[in-house]
Structure formats: structure tokens, C-alpha cells
């Protein structure tokens, strides 16, 4: 039974139809998915780059604005040459004009703090310190802008120090203006650059410490992410993209871009599973079409196979009847122009030829029978051992039997006077 099913035309044609319908579609679907995945990856990376560029540009713009405001005051003639009370008024005016400013400090050419104003309280003369050996004074006194390190205040305010030179005599700095600013702007900026539901954008300093992150708890905990490959690249001043796997086993697609003036880096990342979400929809759609094509192929192959095998089975059944001697068969062809129709018509023609041959044979037999029965001479047929098979009426009468049935029960040697004559006759033949 199994072998019969295995060798059946229906099964072979069904397998062929399924392969013919699904393999090209599967290859095409796989190619489309690959191309779509590449394009989707490029699209996600492009969006991440745009987000990273936006953070970098807005961060740079923010710090340029801070430095510009400080520099404008530092270059103001009235600010530089006014008395202490007048200078303090300028500092307080600038301090309360901008919400990102927390504290302003004026240092003379020797690095001594001469004046300080703060939003958090009144600064006493005893609070003023010498900063001559500090990095900020050393850099600003040489005419360069100094960007300090990021830190959190006791009341958890993201803060850093920026210092600009105050130039007066022949372009040489005679003091510096230092500003303590908060970075809430940067913290508020990051949620605007989030990609998808689980994507994130964060900023790190040159040591890999988190400066800003959508989950501020990570910043408050002082997490260092230097071990991540994209952080390692961005703090080295490199720009690019990569796909990496977190220790917990989830893959991320990441873009990184440095903020070179600050030595910081911006990273935009999104889980690969989420980034390729549309790809799963395409794959599911392709799979659905493959299943539809498979179903259609099975239905059509069964219909076509039935159309092919039904005439063949019918032809086989009629051949069995013919083998049993029944020539009264005829198959009505379901088609006329194809091979099955030609085969059916050939079978019908063969049956017609056989019937004509049978009729001719019957006519010849009847003619022979008339000659056999009507002959006045004895005509008989015997088997090899000499038993009568058939004999004409003249033979029955000549041998003295009452009927043919009685005669055919005997042997021909009994009709010879000398039985040896029959053997002699056989030997001569």
C-alpha cells in the first residue's frame, strides 16, 4: 500500500507542483527580506544619526550661547573698568537673565577670586579663594575657554564650570570670568530624541561616565559605561555605527558621535528586535503568501492530477475488460487535442480493429464449419495422443457410430485396421 502511494502519479505530481509553486516564491521572499533588512538597517542608522546630530548640534549651540554671553560681558568696557559695586551689578544682571546660570565668579590676573554672585545665597568675602594653580585659571588665563568636568551637586543638580578670559591690555587677558551652570537643558533634550519604545539617547564624558540619560537614576548612580564598544569609540573621538550585544543577551543597533569641544560623546541606540519590527511584518506577510501559494498549488495539483489520472484509470479498467474478451467497450474522451485525448482515441480505434478482426475470424470459421460439416469425405481432428477432438457427420457415419459425441470418446487408432499405420503416417508428417 505504501509502495503504491509512493509510486502514484498523484503524489509525484503533487510534490512537483508544490516545489514549483513554493521554491521560486520562497527564494524571492528571502531575497526581498534580505534587501528590506539592509534598507531598514540603513534607514534606522540614518534616523539615529539625525538624532545624534541634533543632540550634538543643540548641545554645541547651548554651550556656544553660554560662552557667547560670558564673552560679551567679559569684553564690555564698562564691566572691565567699573568699580566693584558696578561690576557686581553686571554679574547679577547676567546671572538672573539666564536660568542655566547658577554662579558667576570674577578672578584677577593672579587667579584670586575678587567677586562672586550666586543664586543660592550671599557670598561673603571669606568665601573667595585663590585659583591660581587650578586648571580652569591656567587655561583661561592663556586666552582659551575652559570646560570643566560634569558633577552633581548635593541637591542633585547636574552642574559644570565654564571659564572665559577677560582681555584688556594689548589683547592679553588680565583676569577670567567663571560660570557655574546646570545641565537640566541637556536632560530635557534627550527624551525628544528617543527612537521607538525602548530606544534611548545618552551622553557620556571623556571618562565614559553618564552625563545625561533618559533614566536619570543611572546618572545619579554615577554609572560608567566605558566598557561598551560604542562608548569606547566615541570617547576616542570617533564617529560611526555598530551592532552589539549587551551582557544580558539583547542586541542593539547603535550610532555614536563625539562633541569634540567638550570631549563628550552622544550615543543613540535601539534594540535590534524593535528596529527590525517592520521586517517581521514583511516576513510574516511573505510566509502567508507562501502558505497561500502552497494551498493553491495543492488544490490545483489535485484537480489537474485527477484530470490526468481519471482517464488513465478508466483506460486501465477497460483494458482489463478487453483482456477478458469483452470488446463491447468504448471510452468517451474528456479532451480531444491533448495527449490523453489522443491515447483514448487510439484505444477506441484498437477496440474497433479488434472487433473487425473478430468478425472476419468468425466469418472464416463459419465458412470453414460449413465446408467441414458438408464434406462427403471423412474429416476429423485428433489430439497428439490420438483422441478425437472433432469429426464431421460423414466421418461419424463412415466409422459406424451413432453420433459424434460417442465417437469423440474414442481414439483414432481404433479406427485403423492396422494401428501401426497411424504411427507411420505421423512419422511421415
Protein backbone atom coordinates (compact mmCIF):
# COMPACT_ATOMS: atom_id res chain seq x y z
CA UNK A 1 0.00 0.00 0.00
CA UNK A 2 2.79 2.37 0.98
CA UNK A 3 4.73 1.49 -2.14
CA UNK A 4 1.64 2.06 -4.25
CA UNK A 5 1.15 5.51 -2.75
CA UNK A 6 4.85 6.25 -3.12
CA UNK A 7 4.80 5.36 -6.82
CA UNK A 8 1.48 7.04 -7.58
CA UNK A 9 1.33 9.74 -10.20
CA UNK A 10 -0.83 11.87 -7.91
CA UNK A 11 1.85 12.05 -5.23
CA UNK A 12 4.62 12.75 -7.71
CA UNK A 13 2.66 15.48 -9.43
CA UNK A 14 1.61 16.94 -6.07
CA UNK A 15 5.22 17.14 -4.90
CA UNK A 16 6.30 18.64 -8.22
CA UNK A 17 3.54 21.27 -8.09
CA UNK A 18 4.36 22.21 -4.50
CA UNK A 19 8.05 22.59 -5.28
CA UNK A 20 7.29 24.51 -8.46
CA UNK A 21 5.00 26.92 -6.64
CA UNK A 22 6.85 27.42 -3.35
CA UNK A 23 10.56 27.30 -4.17
CA UNK A 24 10.61 30.35 -6.50
CA UNK A 25 8.31 32.23 -4.12
CA UNK A 26 10.47 31.30 -1.13
CA UNK A 27 13.65 32.39 -2.93
CA UNK A 28 12.03 35.65 -4.00
CA UNK A 29 10.67 36.23 -0.48
CA UNK A 30 14.06 35.54 1.11
CA UNK A 31 15.76 37.94 -1.31
CA UNK A 32 13.17 40.63 -0.66
CA UNK A 33 13.55 40.20 3.10
CA UNK A 34 17.34 40.46 2.84
CA UNK A 35 17.13 43.61 0.72
CA UNK A 36 14.48 45.07 3.00
CA UNK A 37 16.59 44.26 6.07
CA UNK A 38 19.59 46.06 4.59
CA UNK A 39 17.47 49.07 3.64
CA UNK A 40 15.73 49.03 7.02
CA UNK A 41 19.07 48.93 8.83
CA UNK A 42 20.33 51.85 6.76
CA UNK A 43 17.11 53.73 7.47
CA UNK A 44 17.35 53.13 11.23
CA UNK A 45 21.01 54.17 11.24
CA UNK A 46 20.14 57.30 9.27
CA UNK A 47 17.44 58.22 11.78
CA UNK A 48 19.81 57.54 14.69
CA UNK A 49 22.47 59.73 13.05
CA UNK A 50 19.94 62.52 12.67
CA UNK A 51 19.03 62.20 16.36
CA UNK A 52 22.69 62.14 17.39
CA UNK A 53 23.45 65.15 15.17
CA UNK A 54 20.53 67.00 16.71
CA UNK A 55 21.79 66.36 20.24
CA UNK A 56 25.33 67.34 19.28
CA UNK A 57 24.22 70.48 17.44
CA UNK A 58 21.85 71.62 20.19
CA UNK A 59 24.41 70.87 22.89
CA UNK A 60 27.04 72.80 20.97
CA UNK A 61 24.57 75.63 20.40
CA UNK A 62 23.76 75.70 24.12
CA UNK A 63 27.40 75.95 25.14
CA UNK A 64 28.14 78.47 22.40
CA UNK A 65 25.34 80.61 23.80
CA UNK A 66 26.77 80.30 27.32
CA UNK A 67 30.28 81.17 26.15
CA UNK A 68 28.94 84.00 23.97
CA UNK A 69 27.05 85.58 26.88
CA UNK A 70 30.08 85.29 29.14
CA UNK A 71 32.40 86.61 26.43
CA UNK A 72 30.10 89.53 25.68
CA UNK A 73 30.24 90.60 29.33
CA UNK A 74 34.00 89.98 29.53
CA UNK A 75 34.58 92.30 26.55
CA UNK A 76 32.28 95.04 27.86
CA UNK A 77 34.33 98.18 28.58
CA UNK A 78 32.09 99.29 31.44
CA UNK A 79 32.34 95.85 33.07
CA UNK A 80 36.12 95.80 32.93
CA UNK A 81 36.71 99.38 34.14
CA UNK A 82 33.82 99.82 36.58
CA UNK A 83 34.19 99.80 40.34
CA UNK A 84 33.46 96.70 42.40
CA UNK A 85 29.84 97.61 43.04
CA UNK A 86 29.24 98.37 39.38
CA UNK A 87 30.90 95.10 38.32
CA UNK A 88 28.81 93.14 40.80
CA UNK A 89 25.67 94.68 39.29
CA UNK A 90 26.73 93.45 35.85
CA UNK A 91 27.32 89.94 37.19
CA UNK A 92 23.99 89.80 38.99
CA UNK A 93 22.18 91.13 35.91
CA UNK A 94 23.72 88.37 33.75
CA UNK A 95 23.11 85.73 36.44
CA UNK A 96 19.37 86.37 36.68
CA UNK A 97 18.84 86.85 32.96
CA UNK A 98 19.63 83.20 32.23
CA UNK A 99 18.14 80.32 34.20
CA UNK A 100 21.01 77.96 33.36
CA UNK A 101 23.50 80.16 35.27
CA UNK A 102 23.97 79.14 38.90
CA UNK A 103 27.02 81.13 39.94
CA UNK A 104 29.44 83.72 38.45
CA UNK A 105 32.96 84.38 39.70
CA UNK A 106 35.45 87.05 38.70
CA UNK A 107 39.16 86.29 39.08
CA UNK A 108 42.03 88.80 38.67
CA UNK A 109 45.21 88.25 36.70
CA UNK A 110 46.77 86.41 39.68
CA UNK A 111 43.97 83.88 39.94
CA UNK A 112 42.39 85.35 43.05
CA UNK A 113 38.61 85.39 43.26
CA UNK A 114 37.64 89.05 43.61
CA UNK A 115 33.89 88.84 43.20
CA UNK A 116 31.29 86.06 43.27
CA UNK A 117 27.48 86.06 42.94
CA UNK A 118 25.22 83.05 43.38
CA UNK A 119 21.54 82.20 43.11
CA UNK A 120 21.79 80.07 46.22
CA UNK A 121 22.86 82.69 48.69
CA UNK A 122 25.04 85.66 49.56
CA UNK A 123 28.78 85.14 49.07
CA UNK A 124 30.97 86.51 51.86
CA UNK A 125 34.48 87.85 51.27
CA UNK A 126 35.77 84.92 53.29
CA UNK A 127 34.31 82.57 50.71
CA UNK A 128 36.60 83.90 47.99
CA UNK A 129 39.56 81.64 47.23
CA UNK A 130 42.72 81.64 45.24
CA UNK A 131 42.58 79.68 41.99
CA UNK A 132 45.99 80.46 40.55
CA UNK A 133 47.00 76.80 40.43
CA UNK A 134 43.68 75.50 39.15
CA UNK A 135 43.30 74.08 35.67
CA UNK A 136 40.49 76.45 34.81
CA UNK A 137 42.56 79.55 35.58
CA UNK A 138 45.63 78.18 33.86
CA UNK A 139 43.76 77.57 30.62
CA UNK A 140 41.57 80.69 30.65
CA UNK A 141 44.48 82.97 31.54
CA UNK A 142 46.09 81.86 28.28
CA UNK A 143 43.10 83.11 26.28
CA UNK A 144 41.25 79.81 25.93
CA UNK A 145 37.80 78.72 27.02
CA UNK A 146 37.79 76.12 29.76
CA UNK A 147 35.09 73.44 30.10
CA UNK A 148 35.09 71.78 33.48
CA UNK A 149 34.05 68.28 34.45
CA UNK A 150 30.44 67.29 34.97
CA UNK A 151 29.31 66.68 38.57
CA UNK A 152 26.17 66.51 40.68
CA UNK A 153 25.59 68.98 43.49
CA UNK A 154 24.38 67.75 46.90
CA UNK A 155 20.83 68.65 45.87
CA UNK A 156 21.29 66.51 42.71
CA UNK A 157 21.68 69.25 40.10
CA UNK A 158 23.80 68.35 37.03
CA UNK A 159 26.48 71.02 37.01
CA UNK A 160 29.73 72.06 35.33
CA UNK A 161 32.03 75.10 35.20
CA UNK A 162 32.88 77.20 32.13
CA UNK A 163 35.60 79.86 32.24
CA UNK A 164 36.43 82.56 29.66
CA UNK A 165 39.31 85.05 29.59
CA UNK A 166 38.88 88.81 30.18
CA UNK A 167 41.17 90.63 27.74
CA UNK A 168 42.20 94.23 28.39
CA UNK A 169 45.77 95.22 27.60
CA UNK A 170 47.14 94.56 24.09
CA UNK A 171 44.93 91.51 23.80
CA UNK A 172 46.41 89.92 26.87
CA UNK A 173 43.96 88.52 29.50
CA UNK A 174 44.06 90.34 32.80
CA UNK A 175 41.52 88.11 34.52
CA UNK A 176 38.97 85.40 33.93
CA UNK A 177 35.21 85.06 34.30
CA UNK A 178 33.98 81.72 35.59
CA UNK A 179 30.40 80.48 35.42
CA UNK A 180 28.82 77.52 37.14
CA UNK A 181 25.90 76.24 35.03
CA UNK A 182 23.33 73.46 35.38
CA UNK A 183 22.64 70.96 32.58
CA UNK A 184 18.93 70.42 33.01
CA UNK A 185 18.55 71.60 29.40
CA UNK A 186 20.52 68.58 28.25
CA UNK A 187 18.48 66.25 30.44
CA UNK A 188 15.28 67.67 28.97
CA UNK A 189 16.63 67.38 25.44
CA UNK A 190 17.27 63.61 25.44
CA UNK A 191 13.65 62.39 25.73
CA UNK A 192 12.93 64.31 22.49
CA UNK A 193 15.44 62.13 20.64
CA UNK A 194 14.17 58.75 21.77
CA UNK A 195 13.60 56.20 18.99
CA UNK A 196 10.72 53.79 19.37
CA UNK A 197 9.53 52.49 22.71
CA UNK A 198 12.82 51.11 24.02
CA UNK A 199 15.39 53.18 22.18
CA UNK A 200 17.47 55.69 24.10
CA UNK A 201 19.93 58.56 23.69
CA UNK A 202 22.58 59.32 26.29
CA UNK A 203 25.67 61.48 26.74
CA UNK A 204 28.98 60.44 28.32
CA UNK A 205 32.06 62.40 29.32
CA UNK A 206 35.62 61.64 28.27
CA UNK A 207 35.91 59.03 31.04
CA UNK A 208 32.76 57.20 30.00
CA UNK A 209 30.64 58.47 32.89
CA UNK A 210 26.99 59.15 32.16
CA UNK A 211 26.20 62.85 31.94
CA UNK A 212 22.64 62.58 30.68
CA UNK A 213 20.32 59.62 30.20
CA UNK A 214 16.52 59.18 29.84
CA UNK A 215 16.71 57.12 33.02
CA UNK A 216 18.20 59.77 35.35
CA UNK A 217 18.74 57.17 38.07
CA UNK A 218 21.69 55.85 36.09
CA UNK A 219 23.27 59.30 36.09
CA UNK A 220 22.59 59.75 39.80
CA UNK A 221 24.28 56.41 40.49
CA UNK A 222 27.36 57.66 38.66
CA UNK A 223 27.45 54.74 36.22
CA UNK A 224 30.49 54.38 33.99
CA UNK A 225 29.81 52.74 30.62
CA UNK A 226 33.30 52.92 29.14
CA UNK A 227 33.26 49.13 28.68
CA UNK A 228 30.60 49.38 25.96
CA UNK A 229 32.18 49.26 22.49
CA UNK A 230 30.44 52.37 21.14
CA UNK A 231 31.36 54.38 24.25
CA UNK A 232 34.97 53.28 23.89
CA UNK A 233 34.90 54.51 20.28
CA UNK A 234 33.18 57.83 20.91
CA UNK A 235 35.40 58.91 23.83
CA UNK A 236 38.32 58.31 21.47
CA UNK A 237 36.78 60.95 19.20
CA UNK A 238 35.45 58.51 16.60
CA UNK A 239 32.10 58.60 14.84
CA UNK A 240 30.18 55.64 13.41
CA UNK A 241 27.66 52.89 14.00
CA UNK A 242 27.72 49.28 15.16
CA UNK A 243 25.55 46.41 16.30
CA UNK A 244 26.46 44.97 19.67
CA UNK A 245 25.15 42.58 22.29
CA UNK A 246 24.57 43.62 25.87
CA UNK A 247 25.72 41.21 28.59
CA UNK A 248 22.10 40.25 29.21
CA UNK A 249 21.95 38.95 25.64
CA UNK A 250 19.94 41.60 23.79
CA UNK A 251 21.32 43.08 20.56
CA UNK A 252 21.30 46.83 19.93
CA UNK A 253 21.88 48.94 16.85
CA UNK A 254 23.88 51.99 17.91
CA UNK A 255 25.17 55.25 16.43
CA UNK A 256 27.80 57.34 18.21
CA UNK A 257 29.08 60.87 17.59
CA UNK A 258 31.60 62.93 19.62
CA UNK A 259 31.21 66.50 20.88
CA UNK A 260 34.87 67.35 20.31
CA UNK A 261 34.92 70.75 22.08
CA UNK A 262 33.81 69.10 25.32
CA UNK A 263 35.40 65.68 24.89
CA UNK A 264 31.92 64.17 25.32
CA UNK A 265 30.10 61.63 23.23
CA UNK A 266 26.47 61.12 22.18
CA UNK A 267 25.11 57.60 21.71
CA UNK A 268 21.75 56.78 20.13
CA UNK A 269 20.69 53.15 20.30
CA UNK A 270 17.63 50.99 19.68
CA UNK A 271 17.04 47.24 20.23
CA UNK A 272 17.52 45.26 17.04
CA UNK A 273 14.27 43.42 17.73
CA UNK A 274 12.38 46.71 17.76
CA UNK A 275 14.35 48.21 14.86
CA UNK A 276 13.54 45.18 12.71
CA UNK A 277 9.90 45.08 13.81
CA UNK A 278 8.65 46.05 10.32
CA UNK A 279 10.86 43.29 8.93
CA UNK A 280 8.94 40.68 10.92
CA UNK A 281 5.73 42.02 9.43
CA UNK A 282 7.20 41.64 5.94
CA UNK A 283 8.43 38.13 6.79
CA UNK A 284 5.00 37.19 8.15
CA UNK A 285 3.35 38.56 5.02
CA UNK A 286 5.79 36.63 2.83
CA UNK A 287 5.12 33.47 4.84
CA UNK A 288 1.37 33.98 4.46
CA UNK A 289 1.73 34.32 0.69
CA UNK A 290 3.90 31.20 0.58
CA UNK A 291 1.23 29.28 2.51
CA UNK A 292 -1.46 30.66 0.20
CA UNK A 293 0.59 29.66 -2.84
CA UNK A 294 1.15 26.23 -1.28
CA UNK A 295 -2.57 25.78 -0.69
CA UNK A 296 -3.41 26.89 -4.23
CA UNK A 297 -0.69 24.62 -5.62
CA UNK A 298 -2.08 21.63 -3.70
CA UNK A 299 -5.65 22.32 -4.86
CA UNK A 300 -4.68 22.86 -8.49
CA UNK A 301 -2.32 19.90 -8.49
CA UNK A 302 -5.07 17.64 -7.11
CA UNK A 303 -7.53 18.91 -9.70
CA UNK A 304 -5.02 18.58 -12.53
CA UNK A 305 -3.83 15.20 -11.31
CA UNK A 306 -7.41 13.97 -11.13
CA UNK A 307 -7.97 15.24 -14.64
CA UNK A 308 -4.89 13.34 -15.79
CA UNK A 309 -5.26 10.15 -13.80
CA UNK A 310 -9.04 9.68 -14.23
CA UNK A 311 -8.76 8.89 -17.98
CA UNK A 312 -5.76 6.65 -17.29
CA UNK A 313 -7.65 4.70 -14.60
CA UNK A 314 -10.65 4.47 -16.89
CA UNK A 315 -8.43 3.22 -19.70
CA UNK A 316 -6.83 0.64 -17.38
CA UNK A 317 -10.26 -0.65 -16.28
CA UNK A 318 -11.48 -1.02 -19.86
CA UNK A 319 -8.26 -2.80 -20.82
CA UNK A 320 -8.98 -5.35 -18.05
CA UNK A 321 -12.42 -5.97 -19.61
CA UNK A 322 -10.83 -6.37 -23.05
CA UNK A 323 -8.32 -8.87 -21.63
CA UNK A 324 -11.32 -10.95 -20.50
CA UNK A 325 -12.65 -11.00 -24.05
CA UNK A 326 -15.21 -8.19 -23.82
CA UNK A 327 -14.84 -5.97 -26.86
CA UNK A 328 -18.04 -4.03 -26.26
CA UNK A 329 -16.21 -1.16 -24.61
CA UNK A 330 -15.86 2.49 -25.53
CA UNK A 331 -14.28 5.39 -23.67
CA UNK A 332 -15.63 8.87 -24.20
CA UNK A 333 -12.56 11.16 -24.29
CA UNK A 334 -12.70 14.11 -21.88
CA UNK A 335 -10.34 16.06 -24.14
CA UNK A 336 -9.53 15.77 -27.82
CA UNK A 337 -6.45 17.86 -28.50
CA UNK A 338 -4.05 16.74 -25.79
CA UNK A 339 -2.08 13.51 -25.34
CA UNK A 340 -4.73 11.92 -23.09
CA UNK A 341 -7.39 12.51 -25.74
CA UNK A 342 -5.16 11.03 -28.46
CA UNK A 343 -4.41 7.98 -26.26
CA UNK A 344 -8.12 7.46 -25.57
CA UNK A 345 -8.99 7.70 -29.24
CA UNK A 346 -6.18 5.26 -30.10
CA UNK A 347 -7.61 2.79 -27.57
CA UNK A 348 -11.09 3.09 -29.08
CA UNK A 349 -9.62 2.58 -32.55
CA UNK A 350 -7.78 -0.51 -31.33
CA UNK A 351 -11.05 -1.97 -29.98
CA UNK A 352 -12.79 -1.27 -33.30
CA UNK A 353 -9.97 -3.02 -35.19
CA UNK A 354 -10.13 -5.99 -32.83
CA UNK A 355 -13.88 -6.28 -33.31
CA UNK A 356 -13.48 -6.20 -37.10
CA UNK A 357 -10.77 -8.86 -36.89
CA UNK A 358 -13.03 -10.98 -34.67
CA UNK A 359 -15.89 -10.63 -37.10
CA UNK A 360 -13.65 -11.64 -40.03
CA UNK A 361 -12.43 -14.58 -37.97
CA UNK A 362 -16.00 -15.64 -37.21
CA UNK A 363 -16.93 -15.42 -40.87
CA UNK A 364 -13.91 -17.55 -41.79
CA UNK A 365 -14.78 -20.02 -39.05
CA UNK A 366 -18.39 -20.28 -40.24
CA UNK A 367 -17.18 -20.80 -43.78
CA UNK A 368 -14.76 -23.49 -42.60
CA UNK A 369 -17.51 -25.08 -40.49
CA UNK A 370 -19.82 -25.31 -43.48
CA UNK A 371 -17.09 -26.99 -45.52
CA UNK A 372 -16.24 -29.24 -42.58
CA UNK A 373 -19.83 -30.29 -41.93
CA UNK A 374 -20.91 -30.56 -45.57
CA UNK A 375 -17.99 -32.61 -46.86
CA UNK A 376 -18.88 -36.15 -48.09
CA UNK A 377 -15.40 -37.25 -47.16
CA UNK A 378 -14.44 -38.05 -43.63
CA UNK A 379 -12.71 -35.09 -41.97
CA UNK A 380 -11.59 -35.30 -38.37
CA UNK A 381 -9.25 -33.63 -35.85
CA UNK A 382 -7.36 -35.54 -33.15
CA UNK A 383 -5.13 -34.64 -30.28
CA UNK A 384 -1.48 -35.60 -30.30
CA UNK A 385 -2.21 -38.81 -28.42
CA UNK A 386 -4.84 -39.74 -30.97
CA UNK A 387 -8.08 -38.88 -29.24
CA UNK A 388 -10.80 -37.48 -31.44
CA UNK A 389 -11.42 -33.78 -30.97
CA UNK A 390 -13.85 -33.17 -33.80
CA UNK A 391 -15.25 -35.12 -36.75
CA UNK A 392 -17.72 -34.27 -39.48
CA UNK A 393 -21.00 -36.18 -39.95
CA UNK A 394 -19.54 -38.13 -42.88
CA UNK A 395 -16.83 -39.45 -40.57
CA UNK A 396 -19.34 -40.49 -37.91
CA UNK A 397 -21.37 -42.38 -40.47
CA UNK A 398 -18.32 -43.90 -42.13
CA UNK A 399 -16.95 -45.22 -38.84
CA UNK A 400 -20.31 -46.65 -37.87
CA UNK A 401 -21.06 -44.57 -34.78
CA UNK A 402 -24.49 -43.34 -33.88
CA UNK A 403 -23.39 -39.75 -33.11
CA UNK A 404 -20.33 -37.57 -32.83
CA UNK A 405 -20.41 -37.46 -29.03
CA UNK A 406 -19.96 -41.20 -28.91
CA UNK A 407 -17.13 -41.06 -31.40
CA UNK A 408 -15.04 -38.40 -29.66
CA UNK A 409 -14.85 -40.59 -26.58
CA UNK A 410 -12.64 -42.98 -28.54
CA UNK A 411 -9.14 -42.88 -30.02
CA UNK A 412 -8.36 -42.76 -33.71
CA UNK A 413 -6.19 -45.90 -33.57
CA UNK A 414 -9.36 -47.88 -33.04
CA UNK A 415 -10.48 -46.79 -36.48
CA UNK A 416 -7.38 -48.26 -38.15
CA UNK A 417 -7.32 -51.87 -39.26
CA UNK A 418 -3.61 -51.74 -38.58
CA UNK A 419 -2.87 -49.21 -35.77
CA UNK A 420 0.74 -49.08 -36.91
CA UNK A 421 -0.39 -47.21 -39.98
CA UNK A 422 -1.22 -44.16 -37.87
CA UNK A 423 2.25 -44.08 -36.36
CA UNK A 424 3.73 -44.44 -39.80
CA UNK A 425 1.61 -41.57 -41.00
CA UNK A 426 2.72 -39.36 -38.09
CA UNK A 427 6.36 -40.16 -38.73
CA UNK A 428 5.99 -39.16 -42.35
CA UNK A 429 4.45 -35.84 -41.38
